[in-house]
Each structure stands twice: as structure tokens, then as C-alpha cells.
Amino acid sequence: MRKMWQRVGIRARRTERSARRFALAAVASLGLAVAAVAYEPPAIERGFKPERAFQVGQIDHIRLLNGGLELALPLGPRYLVGGAGMSYGFSLHFSSQLWDYGPSFVPPGLWVTGAYPVPRSTAGFGWRLSLGELWINEPGPSGCLLCYVGPDGARHLFSERLHPDIPGQAGVAYTTDGTYLRLRTLGGGLREVDFPSGETHRFDASGRLVRARDPFGNGYDIAYFADSWTLTDTDGR
């Protein structure tokens, strides 16, 4: 009788361990799946989106859903390029949504929600100075396998299909959040993003913006150095 109960106890412990391993594997795969395809939830999303409800000021906007502050400080005038309406300028953008959230494993077997500083704050924590960039296989809970991130920090995830029922094209991806950006993969690690305005922005293998053009060839180029970058436009500036 004692041996029988010992065998039953051994089987029960093995079943418990198997169930625990299965549960951990399921949670891990779920976390990876969410990180791979997740958009920013509206409660923590960043950047100014006209379709959202905002209290709008001259340089600041309050997102009414979550109370988030979006701030834009121009660092000078906007520069017109050519005569077709294209322009560019430099602005500091701040978002009070300073944290990304994602699953974190705490030994010996606990999954918790972790908070991580928002990546790529180029001008201080929460501050950005950028003309736009691509995030390619961005690590951490941001979940951007391939995203366009605007100057204000708004993230736009690319998908292989613009519509679920229409097959995609090789080397082409689209955003499906209403911005209708189209990404085309070129040779040598280069990628180009086409905007509804007709502008095309080119990015290098690291996701840095290197060129912007309108349909008439007006635009600017950016060269990167060890600790600086230089912008030149087609009007000779």
C-alpha cells in the first residue's frame, strides 16, 4: 500500500511539473506574439493623431483619453523646398507617456508586467529631435518588428497586407492605422516609405532617414558622422 501511494505521489508531482512547464511556455509564446504584432494601446500611445480627441493649444496638446501631454517646441522656421509646397523644420517633441509595458519573467516562475523607459529619447528622457525613422527589429516591449516612427514619436506598424482579403506584394508593406504609408524594400538594406502627400523618404539599413523627395525632385539629404549629422537641401542650403 505504501509503495502504491508513493507511485501515485510521483505521478502527481510529474503531472504538476509538466503543467507548470506548459503554462510557462504558453505565457511566453503569448508574450512573444503580442510583442511581435502589438500596436500601442490608446491608453499609452504617443504623438499627435487627428482622429483622437485632444485639447489643442499653440505648442501643447492634451490627449483626453489618458491625460497625456504632447509638446512641440520649434527650433526655428520651416524651410520651403522648391515651389510645390514641400518643407522641413526642426522641433523638439515631448510626450509624457514615458514608459513601455510588457511581460517580464521573475524566477522561479512568475510573470509580471514590467515598465521600461521609452527607447530612443534623443534629446533627454521623453524628448525627441528627429525627422522620422524606421525601427527594425526593435528590442524590448515596443513590439516594432518594422515601424515608422514620426518626429512626434507616434509609431506606425507595417503589415504585409493593406487589406486582409487582398494578397500582398513581395518587398512591399503597408500601415493599416489610417495613415496609409507604403514601404518598399530596395537593395543594400535601403528602404523607402511613400506618404499620401506624394513625398518619399529613404532610410538606410539602420533605419536612419537619409533622403526625402517630393514628386518633382525637391527635397533634402542627410549625412551622418560619428557625433553629428548634416542636412543639405536641393535649394542649396
Protein backbone atom coordinates (compact mmCIF):
# COMPACT_ATOMS: atom_id res chain seq x y z
CA MET A 1 0.00 0.00 0.00
CA ARG A 2 2.84 2.40 0.87
CA LYS A 3 4.56 1.69 -2.47
CA MET A 4 1.29 2.33 -4.34
CA TRP A 5 0.85 5.75 -2.70
CA GLN A 6 4.50 6.57 -3.43
CA ARG A 7 3.90 5.82 -7.12
CA VAL A 8 0.76 7.96 -7.10
CA GLY A 9 2.68 10.82 -5.45
CA ILE A 10 5.47 10.58 -8.02
CA ARG A 11 2.96 10.69 -10.90
CA ALA A 12 1.20 13.69 -9.33
CA ARG A 13 4.46 15.64 -8.97
CA ARG A 14 5.41 14.82 -12.58
CA THR A 15 1.99 15.97 -13.78
CA GLU A 16 2.32 19.20 -11.78
CA ARG A 17 5.77 19.91 -13.21
CA SER A 18 4.53 19.20 -16.75
CA ALA A 19 1.56 21.50 -16.27
CA ARG A 20 3.83 24.25 -14.92
CA ARG A 21 6.19 23.95 -17.89
CA PHE A 22 3.25 24.02 -20.30
CA ALA A 23 1.80 27.12 -18.61
CA LEU A 24 5.13 28.95 -18.73
CA ALA A 25 5.60 28.05 -22.39
CA ALA A 26 2.09 29.24 -23.21
CA VAL A 27 2.60 32.56 -21.43
CA ALA A 28 6.00 33.05 -23.08
CA SER A 29 4.63 32.35 -26.55
CA LEU A 30 1.70 34.67 -25.90
CA GLY A 31 4.06 37.43 -24.77
CA LEU A 32 6.21 37.00 -27.88
CA ALA A 33 3.17 37.02 -30.13
CA VAL A 34 1.82 40.20 -28.57
CA ALA A 35 5.24 41.88 -28.79
CA ALA A 36 5.53 40.92 -32.45
CA VAL A 37 2.27 42.44 -33.67
CA ALA A 38 1.01 44.80 -30.98
CA TYR A 39 0.02 48.34 -31.72
CA GLU A 40 0.30 50.89 -28.97
CA PRO A 41 -2.86 50.74 -26.85
CA PRO A 42 -4.69 54.10 -26.94
CA ALA A 43 -4.08 54.47 -23.20
CA ILE A 44 -0.31 54.82 -23.72
CA GLU A 45 0.13 55.82 -27.37
CA ARG A 46 2.30 58.80 -28.26
CA GLY A 47 2.28 61.55 -30.84
CA PHE A 48 -0.48 63.72 -32.25
CA LYS A 49 -3.16 61.86 -34.21
CA PRO A 50 -6.00 63.98 -35.62
CA GLU A 51 -8.56 61.18 -35.23
CA ARG A 52 -8.06 61.18 -31.44
CA ALA A 53 -9.70 63.59 -29.02
CA PHE A 54 -7.31 66.36 -27.91
CA GLN A 55 -7.44 69.64 -26.10
CA VAL A 56 -5.35 71.66 -28.52
CA GLY A 57 -3.04 74.55 -27.60
CA GLN A 58 -0.43 76.51 -29.51
CA ILE A 59 2.51 74.25 -28.65
CA ASP A 60 0.92 71.61 -26.42
CA HIS A 61 -1.89 69.11 -26.82
CA ILE A 62 -3.63 67.11 -24.07
CA ARG A 63 -4.90 63.67 -25.02
CA LEU A 64 -8.35 63.50 -23.43
CA LEU A 65 -8.40 59.70 -23.19
CA ASN A 66 -5.37 59.33 -20.94
CA GLY A 67 -4.36 62.87 -19.97
CA GLY A 68 -1.08 62.53 -21.86
CA LEU A 69 0.80 65.72 -22.74
CA GLU A 70 2.23 66.16 -26.24
CA LEU A 71 4.55 69.14 -26.59
CA ALA A 72 6.25 70.54 -29.72
CA LEU A 73 8.88 73.30 -29.49
CA PRO A 74 10.05 74.67 -32.88
CA LEU A 75 13.79 75.26 -33.07
CA GLY A 76 13.48 77.73 -35.94
CA PRO A 77 11.38 78.37 -39.03
CA ARG A 78 10.23 75.82 -41.54
CA TYR A 79 12.17 75.85 -44.80
CA LEU A 80 10.34 75.65 -48.10
CA VAL A 81 12.00 73.49 -50.76
CA GLY A 82 11.12 74.12 -54.39
CA GLY A 83 7.75 75.56 -55.31
CA ALA A 84 5.47 72.59 -54.77
CA GLY A 85 4.83 73.04 -51.05
CA MET A 86 7.39 70.68 -49.52
CA SER A 87 9.03 71.96 -46.36
CA TYR A 88 11.02 70.77 -43.39
CA GLY A 89 11.88 72.05 -39.93
CA PHE A 90 13.38 71.06 -36.62
CA SER A 91 11.32 70.68 -33.46
CA LEU A 92 11.73 69.17 -30.04
CA HIS A 93 8.87 66.80 -29.25
CA PHE A 94 7.96 65.65 -25.75
CA SER A 95 5.47 63.02 -24.64
CA SER A 96 4.51 62.38 -21.05
CA GLN A 97 3.98 58.70 -21.91
CA LEU A 98 7.48 57.78 -20.75
CA TRP A 99 7.16 54.03 -20.32
CA ASP A 100 6.57 50.93 -22.41
CA TYR A 101 4.92 47.95 -20.74
CA GLY A 102 5.49 44.28 -21.39
CA PRO A 103 5.71 40.84 -19.80
CA SER A 104 8.73 40.15 -17.59
CA PHE A 105 9.74 36.78 -16.11
CA VAL A 106 10.78 36.74 -12.45
CA PRO A 107 12.40 33.47 -11.27
CA PRO A 108 11.48 30.90 -10.17
CA GLY A 109 8.23 31.02 -12.17
CA LEU A 110 6.34 34.32 -12.03
CA TRP A 111 5.29 36.52 -14.96
CA VAL A 112 4.69 40.17 -14.16
CA THR A 113 4.10 43.34 -16.16
CA GLY A 114 7.33 45.34 -16.41
CA ALA A 115 7.76 49.06 -17.14
CA TYR A 116 10.64 50.08 -19.41
CA PRO A 117 11.85 53.59 -20.37
CA VAL A 118 10.66 54.57 -23.82
CA PRO A 119 13.53 53.92 -26.26
CA ARG A 120 15.39 56.43 -28.41
CA SER A 121 14.83 59.60 -26.43
CA THR A 122 17.40 61.57 -28.43
CA ALA A 123 17.19 64.87 -26.52
CA GLY A 124 16.60 63.82 -22.90
CA PHE A 125 14.16 61.42 -21.27
CA GLY A 126 10.88 61.72 -23.18
CA TRP A 127 12.26 64.28 -25.65
CA ARG A 128 12.92 63.65 -29.34
CA LEU A 129 14.67 65.56 -32.12
CA SER A 130 14.02 63.63 -35.30
CA LEU A 131 12.71 63.97 -38.84
CA GLY A 132 11.35 60.44 -38.74
CA GLU A 133 12.96 56.99 -38.60
CA LEU A 134 12.38 53.29 -39.08
CA TRP A 135 12.54 50.87 -36.18
CA ILE A 136 13.73 47.49 -37.44
CA ASN A 137 13.53 44.53 -35.03
CA GLU A 138 13.42 46.96 -32.11
CA PRO A 139 14.13 45.03 -28.90
CA GLY A 140 12.04 45.30 -25.76
CA PRO A 141 8.30 45.61 -25.28
CA SER A 142 7.79 48.22 -28.03
CA GLY A 143 6.95 45.34 -30.35
CA CYS A 144 8.16 47.02 -33.54
CA LEU A 145 9.46 44.44 -35.97
CA LEU A 146 9.17 47.13 -38.63
CA CYS A 147 7.68 50.52 -37.69
CA TYR A 148 7.80 54.06 -38.97
CA VAL A 149 8.20 56.47 -36.06
CA GLY A 150 7.28 60.06 -36.83
CA PRO A 151 9.03 63.15 -35.48
CA ASP A 152 6.48 63.32 -32.63
CA GLY A 153 7.14 59.70 -31.59
CA ALA A 154 3.92 58.19 -32.99
CA ARG A 155 4.58 54.59 -34.05
CA HIS A 156 3.08 53.06 -37.18
CA LEU A 157 3.48 49.32 -37.64
CA PHE A 158 3.86 47.88 -41.16
CA SER A 159 1.93 44.82 -42.30
CA GLU A 160 2.36 42.64 -45.37
CA ARG A 161 -1.22 43.37 -46.44
CA LEU A 162 -3.14 46.62 -46.69
CA HIS A 163 -6.43 44.71 -46.52
CA PRO A 164 -6.81 41.22 -45.01
CA ASP A 165 -8.59 39.83 -48.08
CA ILE A 166 -6.12 41.17 -50.68
CA PRO A 167 -2.75 39.38 -51.12
CA GLY A 168 0.35 41.47 -50.55
CA GLN A 169 3.34 42.06 -52.82
CA ALA A 170 6.88 40.86 -52.28
CA GLY A 171 9.06 43.58 -50.75
CA VAL A 172 6.11 45.90 -50.03
CA ALA A 173 4.41 46.60 -46.68
CA TYR A 174 1.70 48.96 -45.50
CA THR A 175 0.44 50.65 -42.36
CA THR A 176 -3.17 49.82 -41.50
CA ASP A 177 -3.84 52.50 -38.88
CA GLY A 178 -5.32 55.04 -41.29
CA THR A 179 -2.01 56.70 -42.23
CA TYR A 180 -1.67 54.63 -45.44
CA LEU A 181 2.11 54.59 -45.58
CA ARG A 182 3.72 52.23 -48.09
CA LEU A 183 7.17 50.75 -47.51
CA ARG A 184 9.28 49.40 -50.37
CA THR A 185 12.42 47.35 -49.82
CA LEU A 186 15.37 48.29 -52.04
CA GLY A 187 18.80 46.72 -52.41
CA GLY A 188 21.66 47.17 -49.97
CA GLY A 189 19.44 47.39 -46.91
CA LEU A 190 17.74 50.57 -48.13
CA ARG A 191 14.02 51.10 -47.67
CA GLU A 192 11.69 53.82 -48.91
CA VAL A 193 8.41 54.97 -47.38
CA ASP A 194 5.81 56.63 -49.59
CA PHE A 195 3.48 59.15 -47.93
CA PRO A 196 -0.03 60.17 -49.06
CA SER A 197 1.35 63.68 -49.70
CA GLY A 198 3.49 62.28 -52.52
CA GLU A 199 6.76 62.53 -50.57
CA THR A 200 9.16 59.58 -50.47
CA HIS A 201 11.61 59.14 -47.58
CA ARG A 202 14.60 56.82 -47.88
CA PHE A 203 16.17 55.04 -44.89
CA ASP A 204 19.46 53.20 -44.53
CA ALA A 205 19.96 49.71 -43.10
CA SER A 206 19.95 51.16 -39.56
CA GLY A 207 16.60 52.88 -40.11
CA ARG A 208 18.05 56.41 -40.31
CA LEU A 209 16.47 58.91 -42.69
CA VAL A 210 18.98 59.73 -45.45
CA ARG A 211 16.85 61.33 -48.18
CA ALA A 212 13.43 62.93 -48.73
CA ARG A 213 11.92 63.95 -52.07
CA ASP A 214 8.61 65.23 -53.37
CA PRO A 215 7.24 64.07 -56.77
CA PHE A 216 9.14 66.89 -58.51
CA GLY A 217 12.59 66.03 -57.14
CA ASN A 218 12.68 68.72 -54.44
CA GLY A 219 13.89 67.66 -51.03
CA TYR A 220 16.89 67.16 -48.78
CA ASP A 221 19.64 64.68 -47.90
CA ILE A 222 21.15 63.82 -44.52
CA ALA A 223 24.75 62.66 -43.97
CA TYR A 224 25.74 61.04 -40.66
CA PHE A 225 29.07 61.27 -38.86
CA ALA A 226 30.42 59.92 -35.59
CA ASP A 227 28.81 62.56 -33.36
CA SER A 228 26.79 64.75 -35.72
CA TRP A 229 24.71 64.85 -38.87
CA THR A 230 24.36 67.38 -41.69
CA LEU A 231 21.28 68.23 -43.75
CA THR A 232 21.51 69.78 -47.22
CA ASP A 233 18.54 70.57 -49.47
CA THR A 234 18.04 70.95 -53.20
CA ASP A 235 17.80 74.75 -52.85
CA GLY A 236 21.50 74.86 -51.86
CA ARG A 237 21.15 75.32 -48.11
